[in-house]
Each structure stands twice: as C-alpha cells, then as structure tokens.
Protein backbone atom coordinates (compact mmCIF):
# COMPACT_ATOMS: atom_id res chain seq x y z
CA UNK A 1 5.26 -22.07 -35.92
CA UNK A 2 3.94 -24.37 -33.20
CA UNK A 3 5.91 -27.23 -34.74
CA UNK A 4 9.17 -25.34 -34.23
CA UNK A 5 8.38 -24.60 -30.58
CA UNK A 6 7.09 -28.09 -29.85
CA UNK A 7 10.08 -29.68 -31.56
CA UNK A 8 12.54 -27.68 -29.48
CA UNK A 9 10.70 -28.32 -26.23
CA UNK A 10 10.62 -32.10 -26.81
CA UNK A 11 14.42 -32.14 -26.60
CA UNK A 12 14.55 -30.59 -23.11
CA UNK A 13 14.43 -32.99 -20.18
CA UNK A 14 11.99 -32.11 -17.41
CA UNK A 15 10.22 -29.40 -19.42
CA UNK A 16 6.79 -30.73 -18.43
CA UNK A 17 7.21 -29.36 -14.90
CA UNK A 18 7.28 -25.68 -15.99
CA UNK A 19 3.59 -25.44 -16.99
CA UNK A 20 2.63 -27.05 -13.68
CA UNK A 21 4.75 -24.58 -11.72
CA UNK A 22 3.34 -21.59 -13.62
CA UNK A 23 -0.23 -22.80 -13.04
CA UNK A 24 0.46 -23.19 -9.31
CA UNK A 25 1.95 -19.69 -9.07
CA UNK A 26 -1.04 -18.25 -10.95
CA UNK A 27 -3.54 -20.11 -8.76
CA UNK A 28 -1.81 -19.26 -5.47
CA UNK A 29 -1.47 -15.57 -6.38
CA UNK A 30 -5.12 -15.11 -7.29
CA UNK A 31 -6.32 -17.18 -4.34
CA UNK A 32 -4.30 -14.97 -1.99
CA UNK A 33 -5.57 -11.84 -3.71
CA UNK A 34 -9.17 -13.08 -3.44
CA UNK A 35 -8.65 -13.83 0.27
CA UNK A 36 -7.10 -10.39 0.90
CA UNK A 37 -9.96 -8.57 -0.82
CA UNK A 38 -12.61 -10.25 1.28
CA UNK A 39 -10.74 -9.93 4.58
CA UNK A 40 -9.59 -6.31 4.18
CA UNK A 41 -10.97 -3.85 6.69
CA UNK A 42 -13.48 -1.32 5.41
CA UNK A 43 -11.56 1.55 7.02
CA UNK A 44 -8.39 0.60 5.12
CA UNK A 45 -10.28 0.37 1.81
CA UNK A 46 -11.88 3.77 2.41
CA UNK A 47 -8.53 5.38 3.32
CA UNK A 48 -6.80 3.96 0.25
CA UNK A 49 -9.64 4.97 -2.05
CA UNK A 50 -9.32 8.60 -0.89
CA UNK A 51 -5.59 8.86 -1.65
CA UNK A 52 -6.07 10.25 -5.20
CA UNK A 53 -8.38 12.95 -3.83
CA UNK A 54 -5.96 14.23 -1.19
CA UNK A 55 -3.45 17.03 -1.65
CA UNK A 56 -0.28 15.54 -3.13
CA UNK A 57 2.18 18.09 -1.76
CA UNK A 58 4.42 16.64 0.91
CA UNK A 59 5.79 19.01 3.51
CA UNK A 60 9.22 18.73 5.05
CA UNK A 61 7.58 17.93 8.40
CA UNK A 62 5.83 14.87 6.93
CA UNK A 63 9.10 13.61 5.41
CA UNK A 64 10.85 13.67 8.80
CA UNK A 65 8.12 11.57 10.41
C-alpha cells in the first residue's frame, strides 16, 4: 500500500513542503500550550476546575448579564 501512496506523491510538485508545515504547526501548538500551562494563574486554574462541581442551571438574570 505504501508503494501506491509514494508513487502518487512523487508526481506532485512541491509535496515535500507539506510535512514540514505540519511539523511546524504541531510544534508551535504544543509549545504555546506548554507556555500557557506554566504561565496560567492559580486562581484561574482553580476557578475552571470547579466548573463541573457548580450548579448547571442558568437563571434568566445571568443570561441578561
């Protein structure tokens, strides 16, 4: 099966740039995520972690705000 894929890709000009672009996107995304995790404020992390434990009913008053 790899022969079929490799054979088709050899006929496309400039195809070698796509793996480089996908690697850069992958690296940049996880670097940014790593940076965000270590720079996030403890209060924000604590507030977000308590969301599943809070009451999920939304009142009309909260919607208007």
